[in-house]
Amino acid sequence: MREYAIAASIYVELIAGASGRISNLLRRAASMAVGIVTIDESISVFGDKKVEDFWTGIAKDDGLHLVDPRKVAHTHLIETSMRGGKGKNASPYYSARYIANCFNAWVEGREIKFTRVNDAKAPILIAGTSFKG
């Protein structure tokens, strides 16, 4: 865990400007796991600004376009819940993969309206990382 302490601290700082509800959703284990890995590894490939803009964009949703991958991730978090919650249920496995797909689209400069997770148990592929969780 200590090896990710700095990345976790940066992630918490990046989402600090989020409103109450999205702030809590970004603190879900699935969201944090993807966030920490992208900060720990993807920054060396795509640069601080690109990775940080992804997470602050989700946190603040300051007029993002519907095809912006950050908006797609933000909407996913708002509209889904873990077991027993309101909204469409999504497992942590599904949510982590969904957010990773949005991150991948963001760093590749692709616009998306949604993303698919065909297999919630398949390895998570996060651009700019060696992570295969």
N, C-alpha and C. Protein backbone atom coordinates (compact mmCIF):
# COMPACT_ATOMS: atom_id res chain seq x y z
N MET A 1 0.81 -1.20 0.00
CA MET A 1 0.00 0.00 0.00
C MET A 1 0.86 1.27 0.00
N ARG A 2 1.98 1.23 0.67
CA ARG A 2 2.82 2.43 0.75
C ARG A 2 3.31 2.89 -0.60
N GLU A 3 3.48 1.94 -1.52
CA GLU A 3 3.98 2.31 -2.84
C GLU A 3 3.00 3.21 -3.59
N TYR A 4 1.73 3.19 -3.20
CA TYR A 4 0.72 4.03 -3.85
C TYR A 4 0.30 5.23 -3.01
N ALA A 5 0.95 5.46 -1.89
CA ALA A 5 0.55 6.54 -0.98
C ALA A 5 0.61 7.92 -1.64
N ILE A 6 1.65 8.19 -2.37
CA ILE A 6 1.79 9.50 -3.02
C ILE A 6 0.72 9.67 -4.09
N ALA A 7 0.53 8.63 -4.92
CA ALA A 7 -0.50 8.70 -5.96
C ALA A 7 -1.89 8.86 -5.34
N ALA A 8 -2.15 8.18 -4.25
CA ALA A 8 -3.45 8.30 -3.57
C ALA A 8 -3.65 9.71 -3.05
N SER A 9 -2.61 10.29 -2.50
CA SER A 9 -2.68 11.66 -1.98
C SER A 9 -2.97 12.66 -3.11
N ILE A 10 -2.32 12.47 -4.25
CA ILE A 10 -2.55 13.35 -5.40
C ILE A 10 -3.99 13.19 -5.89
N TYR A 11 -4.47 11.95 -5.96
CA TYR A 11 -5.85 11.70 -6.39
C TYR A 11 -6.85 12.43 -5.49
N VAL A 12 -6.66 12.33 -4.20
CA VAL A 12 -7.56 13.00 -3.24
C VAL A 12 -7.52 14.52 -3.46
N GLU A 13 -6.35 15.07 -3.71
CA GLU A 13 -6.23 16.51 -4.00
C GLU A 13 -6.97 16.88 -5.28
N LEU A 14 -6.86 16.05 -6.30
CA LEU A 14 -7.49 16.35 -7.59
C LEU A 14 -9.01 16.36 -7.52
N ILE A 15 -9.58 15.50 -6.69
CA ILE A 15 -11.04 15.43 -6.60
C ILE A 15 -11.59 16.32 -5.49
N ALA A 16 -10.73 17.05 -4.83
CA ALA A 16 -11.14 17.88 -3.69
C ALA A 16 -12.18 18.93 -4.06
N GLY A 17 -12.21 19.39 -5.29
CA GLY A 17 -13.16 20.42 -5.71
C GLY A 17 -14.53 19.88 -6.08
N ALA A 18 -14.73 18.58 -5.94
CA ALA A 18 -16.00 17.97 -6.32
C ALA A 18 -17.09 18.30 -5.31
N SER A 19 -18.34 18.37 -5.82
CA SER A 19 -19.47 18.56 -4.92
C SER A 19 -19.65 17.30 -4.08
N GLY A 20 -20.47 17.39 -3.05
CA GLY A 20 -20.64 16.30 -2.10
C GLY A 20 -20.93 14.94 -2.71
N ARG A 21 -21.92 14.87 -3.60
CA ARG A 21 -22.32 13.58 -4.15
C ARG A 21 -21.23 12.98 -5.03
N ILE A 22 -20.73 13.73 -5.98
CA ILE A 22 -19.71 13.18 -6.87
C ILE A 22 -18.42 12.93 -6.10
N SER A 23 -18.16 13.72 -5.08
CA SER A 23 -16.98 13.50 -4.25
C SER A 23 -17.04 12.11 -3.61
N ASN A 24 -18.20 11.77 -3.07
CA ASN A 24 -18.37 10.44 -2.47
C ASN A 24 -18.22 9.34 -3.51
N LEU A 25 -18.77 9.56 -4.69
CA LEU A 25 -18.71 8.56 -5.75
C LEU A 25 -17.28 8.36 -6.25
N LEU A 26 -16.51 9.42 -6.28
CA LEU A 26 -15.11 9.32 -6.68
C LEU A 26 -14.25 8.67 -5.60
N ARG A 27 -14.80 8.51 -4.42
CA ARG A 27 -14.08 7.85 -3.33
C ARG A 27 -14.43 6.36 -3.23
N ARG A 28 -15.31 5.89 -4.12
CA ARG A 28 -15.57 4.45 -4.19
C ARG A 28 -14.26 3.75 -4.53
N ALA A 29 -14.12 2.54 -4.06
CA ALA A 29 -12.88 1.79 -4.30
C ALA A 29 -12.57 1.65 -5.79
N ALA A 30 -13.60 1.40 -6.60
CA ALA A 30 -13.37 1.22 -8.04
C ALA A 30 -12.81 2.48 -8.68
N SER A 31 -13.39 3.63 -8.32
CA SER A 31 -12.92 4.91 -8.88
C SER A 31 -11.51 5.21 -8.41
N MET A 32 -11.29 5.05 -7.11
CA MET A 32 -9.97 5.36 -6.55
C MET A 32 -8.89 4.46 -7.12
N ALA A 33 -9.21 3.18 -7.31
CA ALA A 33 -8.21 2.26 -7.83
C ALA A 33 -7.73 2.70 -9.21
N VAL A 34 -8.68 3.03 -10.08
CA VAL A 34 -8.30 3.49 -11.43
C VAL A 34 -7.54 4.81 -11.32
N GLY A 35 -8.01 5.70 -10.47
CA GLY A 35 -7.35 6.99 -10.29
C GLY A 35 -5.91 6.85 -9.82
N ILE A 36 -5.70 6.02 -8.84
CA ILE A 36 -4.36 5.85 -8.28
C ILE A 36 -3.41 5.26 -9.32
N VAL A 37 -3.88 4.26 -10.07
CA VAL A 37 -3.03 3.64 -11.09
C VAL A 37 -2.70 4.63 -12.20
N THR A 38 -3.68 5.42 -12.63
CA THR A 38 -3.40 6.39 -13.70
C THR A 38 -2.40 7.43 -13.24
N ILE A 39 -2.53 7.86 -12.00
CA ILE A 39 -1.59 8.86 -11.47
C ILE A 39 -0.21 8.25 -11.27
N ASP A 40 -0.18 7.02 -10.79
CA ASP A 40 1.10 6.37 -10.52
C ASP A 40 1.87 6.05 -11.80
N GLU A 41 1.17 5.63 -12.86
CA GLU A 41 1.87 5.18 -14.06
C GLU A 41 1.60 6.01 -15.32
N SER A 42 0.36 6.37 -15.56
CA SER A 42 0.01 7.03 -16.84
C SER A 42 0.60 8.42 -16.99
N ILE A 43 0.86 9.08 -15.88
CA ILE A 43 1.44 10.43 -15.94
C ILE A 43 2.78 10.41 -16.68
N SER A 44 3.56 9.36 -16.49
CA SER A 44 4.87 9.31 -17.15
C SER A 44 4.73 9.16 -18.67
N VAL A 45 3.59 8.69 -19.14
CA VAL A 45 3.36 8.51 -20.57
C VAL A 45 2.63 9.72 -21.18
N PHE A 46 1.58 10.19 -20.50
CA PHE A 46 0.72 11.24 -21.06
C PHE A 46 0.93 12.62 -20.44
N GLY A 47 1.69 12.69 -19.37
CA GLY A 47 1.96 13.96 -18.70
C GLY A 47 0.96 14.27 -17.59
N ASP A 48 1.43 15.09 -16.65
CA ASP A 48 0.60 15.46 -15.50
C ASP A 48 -0.73 16.06 -15.92
N LYS A 49 -0.67 17.04 -16.80
CA LYS A 49 -1.87 17.81 -17.15
C LYS A 49 -2.97 16.92 -17.72
N LYS A 50 -2.63 16.04 -18.64
CA LYS A 50 -3.63 15.19 -19.29
C LYS A 50 -4.34 14.31 -18.26
N VAL A 51 -3.57 13.67 -17.40
CA VAL A 51 -4.15 12.78 -16.39
C VAL A 51 -4.93 13.58 -15.35
N GLU A 52 -4.34 14.66 -14.87
CA GLU A 52 -5.01 15.48 -13.86
C GLU A 52 -6.30 16.08 -14.41
N ASP A 53 -6.30 16.52 -15.67
CA ASP A 53 -7.50 17.09 -16.28
C ASP A 53 -8.63 16.06 -16.37
N PHE A 54 -8.29 14.80 -16.54
CA PHE A 54 -9.32 13.76 -16.56
C PHE A 54 -10.06 13.72 -15.23
N TRP A 55 -9.32 13.65 -14.14
CA TRP A 55 -9.95 13.51 -12.82
C TRP A 55 -10.62 14.79 -12.36
N THR A 56 -10.01 15.93 -12.59
CA THR A 56 -10.67 17.19 -12.19
C THR A 56 -11.90 17.44 -13.05
N GLY A 57 -11.86 17.02 -14.30
CA GLY A 57 -13.03 17.16 -15.17
C GLY A 57 -14.21 16.36 -14.66
N ILE A 58 -13.97 15.12 -14.26
CA ILE A 58 -15.04 14.30 -13.69
C ILE A 58 -15.56 14.94 -12.42
N ALA A 59 -14.64 15.40 -11.59
CA ALA A 59 -15.02 15.97 -10.29
C ALA A 59 -15.87 17.22 -10.42
N LYS A 60 -15.53 18.08 -11.37
CA LYS A 60 -16.20 19.38 -11.45
C LYS A 60 -17.28 19.45 -12.52
N ASP A 61 -17.19 18.64 -13.56
CA ASP A 61 -18.15 18.66 -14.68
C ASP A 61 -18.57 20.08 -15.00
N ASP A 62 -17.59 20.90 -15.31
CA ASP A 62 -17.83 22.32 -15.55
C ASP A 62 -18.19 22.57 -17.02
N GLY A 63 -19.40 22.17 -17.40
CA GLY A 63 -19.86 22.38 -18.77
C GLY A 63 -19.27 21.42 -19.78
N LEU A 64 -18.95 20.21 -19.36
CA LEU A 64 -18.38 19.23 -20.29
C LEU A 64 -19.41 18.85 -21.36
N HIS A 65 -18.93 18.61 -22.56
CA HIS A 65 -19.79 18.16 -23.65
C HIS A 65 -20.18 16.70 -23.44
N LEU A 66 -21.33 16.32 -23.97
CA LEU A 66 -21.84 14.96 -23.79
C LEU A 66 -20.91 13.89 -24.36
N VAL A 67 -20.08 14.25 -25.32
CA VAL A 67 -19.17 13.27 -25.93
C VAL A 67 -17.77 13.29 -25.30
N ASP A 68 -17.60 14.08 -24.27
CA ASP A 68 -16.32 14.13 -23.54
C ASP A 68 -16.26 12.90 -22.64
N PRO A 69 -15.20 12.10 -22.72
CA PRO A 69 -15.10 10.90 -21.89
C PRO A 69 -15.22 11.20 -20.38
N ARG A 70 -14.83 12.40 -19.97
CA ARG A 70 -14.96 12.76 -18.55
C ARG A 70 -16.43 12.91 -18.18
N LYS A 71 -17.23 13.46 -19.08
CA LYS A 71 -18.67 13.59 -18.86
C LYS A 71 -19.32 12.20 -18.81
N VAL A 72 -18.88 11.32 -19.69
CA VAL A 72 -19.41 9.95 -19.71
C VAL A 72 -19.10 9.25 -18.39
N ALA A 73 -17.89 9.42 -17.88
CA ALA A 73 -17.52 8.83 -16.59
C ALA A 73 -18.33 9.46 -15.46
N HIS A 74 -18.47 10.78 -15.48
CA HIS A 74 -19.24 11.50 -14.47
C HIS A 74 -20.69 10.99 -14.45
N THR A 75 -21.29 10.88 -15.62
CA THR A 75 -22.67 10.41 -15.72
C THR A 75 -22.79 8.98 -15.22
N HIS A 76 -21.84 8.15 -15.56
CA HIS A 76 -21.84 6.76 -15.07
C HIS A 76 -21.87 6.74 -13.54
N LEU A 77 -21.02 7.51 -12.93
CA LEU A 77 -20.97 7.53 -11.47
C LEU A 77 -22.28 8.02 -10.86
N ILE A 78 -22.86 9.05 -11.43
CA ILE A 78 -24.11 9.62 -10.91
C ILE A 78 -25.28 8.65 -11.08
N GLU A 79 -25.31 7.95 -12.20
CA GLU A 79 -26.47 7.12 -12.53
C GLU A 79 -26.40 5.69 -12.02
N THR A 80 -25.26 5.28 -11.50
CA THR A 80 -25.15 3.90 -11.02
C THR A 80 -24.95 3.88 -9.52
N SER A 81 -25.23 2.73 -8.96
CA SER A 81 -25.02 2.56 -7.52
C SER A 81 -24.46 1.16 -7.28
N MET A 82 -23.87 1.01 -6.14
CA MET A 82 -23.43 -0.31 -5.73
C MET A 82 -24.67 -1.04 -5.22
N ARG A 83 -24.55 -2.26 -4.87
CA ARG A 83 -25.70 -3.06 -4.44
C ARG A 83 -26.52 -2.36 -3.36
N GLY A 84 -27.82 -2.41 -3.56
CA GLY A 84 -28.73 -1.86 -2.56
C GLY A 84 -28.98 -0.37 -2.68
N GLY A 85 -28.27 0.30 -3.54
CA GLY A 85 -28.44 1.75 -3.68
C GLY A 85 -29.48 2.08 -4.74
N LYS A 86 -29.76 3.35 -4.85
CA LYS A 86 -30.71 3.81 -5.88
C LYS A 86 -29.99 3.87 -7.22
N GLY A 87 -30.75 3.71 -8.27
CA GLY A 87 -30.16 3.76 -9.60
C GLY A 87 -29.81 2.38 -10.10
N LYS A 88 -29.25 2.36 -11.28
CA LYS A 88 -28.88 1.10 -11.92
C LYS A 88 -27.66 0.53 -11.19
N ASN A 89 -27.75 -0.73 -10.80
CA ASN A 89 -26.65 -1.36 -10.08
C ASN A 89 -25.48 -1.66 -11.00
N ALA A 90 -24.30 -1.39 -10.51
CA ALA A 90 -23.06 -1.72 -11.23
C ALA A 90 -22.07 -2.25 -10.21
N SER A 91 -21.49 -3.38 -10.51
CA SER A 91 -20.50 -3.94 -9.59
C SER A 91 -19.24 -3.07 -9.61
N PRO A 92 -18.43 -3.16 -8.56
CA PRO A 92 -17.16 -2.44 -8.59
C PRO A 92 -16.29 -2.85 -9.78
N TYR A 93 -16.36 -4.13 -10.15
CA TYR A 93 -15.59 -4.62 -11.30
C TYR A 93 -16.02 -3.89 -12.57
N TYR A 94 -17.33 -3.80 -12.77
CA TYR A 94 -17.88 -3.13 -13.95
C TYR A 94 -17.51 -1.65 -13.94
N SER A 95 -17.71 -1.00 -12.81
CA SER A 95 -17.46 0.43 -12.71
C SER A 95 -16.00 0.77 -12.98
N ALA A 96 -15.08 -0.01 -12.43
CA ALA A 96 -13.65 0.24 -12.65
C ALA A 96 -13.31 0.12 -14.13
N ARG A 97 -13.87 -0.87 -14.80
CA ARG A 97 -13.60 -1.05 -16.22
C ARG A 97 -14.22 0.07 -17.05
N TYR A 98 -15.41 0.50 -16.66
CA TYR A 98 -16.10 1.59 -17.37
C TYR A 98 -15.27 2.87 -17.28
N ILE A 99 -14.82 3.19 -16.07
CA ILE A 99 -14.02 4.40 -15.88
C ILE A 99 -12.68 4.29 -16.61
N ALA A 100 -12.07 3.11 -16.58
CA ALA A 100 -10.81 2.90 -17.31
C ALA A 100 -11.03 3.10 -18.81
N ASN A 101 -12.14 2.62 -19.34
CA ASN A 101 -12.45 2.83 -20.77
C ASN A 101 -12.58 4.32 -21.08
N CYS A 102 -13.21 5.06 -20.18
CA CYS A 102 -13.34 6.51 -20.36
C CYS A 102 -11.97 7.18 -20.32
N PHE A 103 -11.13 6.76 -19.39
CA PHE A 103 -9.77 7.31 -19.30
C PHE A 103 -9.01 7.03 -20.60
N ASN A 104 -9.11 5.81 -21.09
CA ASN A 104 -8.40 5.44 -22.33
C ASN A 104 -8.86 6.32 -23.49
N ALA A 105 -10.16 6.53 -23.59
CA ALA A 105 -10.68 7.39 -24.66
C ALA A 105 -10.15 8.82 -24.50
N TRP A 106 -10.10 9.31 -23.26
CA TRP A 106 -9.63 10.67 -22.98
C TRP A 106 -8.19 10.86 -23.44
N VAL A 107 -7.30 9.96 -23.02
CA VAL A 107 -5.89 10.15 -23.37
C VAL A 107 -5.62 9.90 -24.85
N GLU A 108 -6.52 9.16 -25.51
CA GLU A 108 -6.38 8.93 -26.95
C GLU A 108 -7.05 10.03 -27.77
N GLY A 109 -7.72 10.97 -27.10
CA GLY A 109 -8.37 12.07 -27.78
C GLY A 109 -9.65 11.69 -28.51
N ARG A 110 -10.28 10.59 -28.08
CA ARG A 110 -11.51 10.13 -28.72
C ARG A 110 -12.74 10.68 -28.01
N GLU A 111 -13.75 11.05 -28.78
CA GLU A 111 -15.05 11.41 -28.22
C GLU A 111 -15.88 10.14 -28.12
N ILE A 112 -16.67 10.03 -27.05
CA ILE A 112 -17.56 8.88 -26.88
C ILE A 112 -18.86 9.36 -26.26
N LYS A 113 -19.93 8.63 -26.52
CA LYS A 113 -21.21 8.92 -25.87
C LYS A 113 -21.46 7.94 -24.73
N PHE A 114 -20.82 6.80 -24.81
CA PHE A 114 -20.90 5.75 -23.80
C PHE A 114 -19.75 4.80 -24.06
N THR A 115 -19.58 3.85 -23.19
CA THR A 115 -18.60 2.80 -23.42
C THR A 115 -19.21 1.48 -22.97
N ARG A 116 -18.67 0.42 -23.45
CA ARG A 116 -19.19 -0.91 -23.10
C ARG A 116 -18.17 -1.66 -22.26
N VAL A 117 -18.70 -2.43 -21.34
CA VAL A 117 -17.89 -3.37 -20.59
C VAL A 117 -18.51 -4.73 -20.88
N ASN A 118 -17.89 -5.48 -21.76
CA ASN A 118 -18.45 -6.77 -22.16
C ASN A 118 -18.24 -7.85 -21.12
N ASP A 119 -17.15 -7.77 -20.40
CA ASP A 119 -16.83 -8.78 -19.39
C ASP A 119 -16.28 -8.08 -18.16
N ALA A 120 -17.11 -8.00 -17.12
CA ALA A 120 -16.70 -7.28 -15.90
C ALA A 120 -15.60 -8.00 -15.15
N LYS A 121 -15.25 -9.21 -15.54
CA LYS A 121 -14.18 -9.94 -14.87
C LYS A 121 -12.89 -9.98 -15.70
N ALA A 122 -12.95 -9.42 -16.90
CA ALA A 122 -11.76 -9.40 -17.76
C ALA A 122 -10.72 -8.45 -17.18
N PRO A 123 -9.46 -8.62 -17.53
CA PRO A 123 -8.44 -7.69 -17.03
C PRO A 123 -8.76 -6.25 -17.42
N ILE A 124 -8.44 -5.34 -16.52
CA ILE A 124 -8.64 -3.91 -16.79
C ILE A 124 -7.42 -3.42 -17.56
N LEU A 125 -7.67 -2.79 -18.67
CA LEU A 125 -6.58 -2.23 -19.46
C LEU A 125 -6.63 -0.72 -19.31
N ILE A 126 -5.59 -0.15 -18.74
CA ILE A 126 -5.51 1.29 -18.51
C ILE A 126 -4.33 1.82 -19.31
N ALA A 127 -4.62 2.71 -20.24
CA ALA A 127 -3.59 3.27 -21.12
C ALA A 127 -2.43 3.85 -20.33
N GLY A 128 -1.23 3.56 -20.79
CA GLY A 128 -0.04 4.11 -20.15
C GLY A 128 0.41 3.36 -18.91
N THR A 129 -0.20 2.19 -18.67
CA THR A 129 0.17 1.42 -17.48
C THR A 129 0.48 -0.02 -17.86
N SER A 130 1.12 -0.70 -16.95
CA SER A 130 1.34 -2.14 -17.09
C SER A 130 0.29 -2.91 -16.32
N PHE A 131 -0.67 -2.19 -15.74
CA PHE A 131 -1.70 -2.78 -14.88
C PHE A 131 -2.59 -3.73 -15.67
N LYS A 132 -2.78 -4.91 -15.13
CA LYS A 132 -3.67 -5.91 -15.73
C LYS A 132 -4.48 -6.56 -14.61
N GLY A 133 -5.22 -5.74 -13.89
CA GLY A 133 -5.97 -6.25 -12.73
C GLY A 133 -7.34 -6.71 -13.03
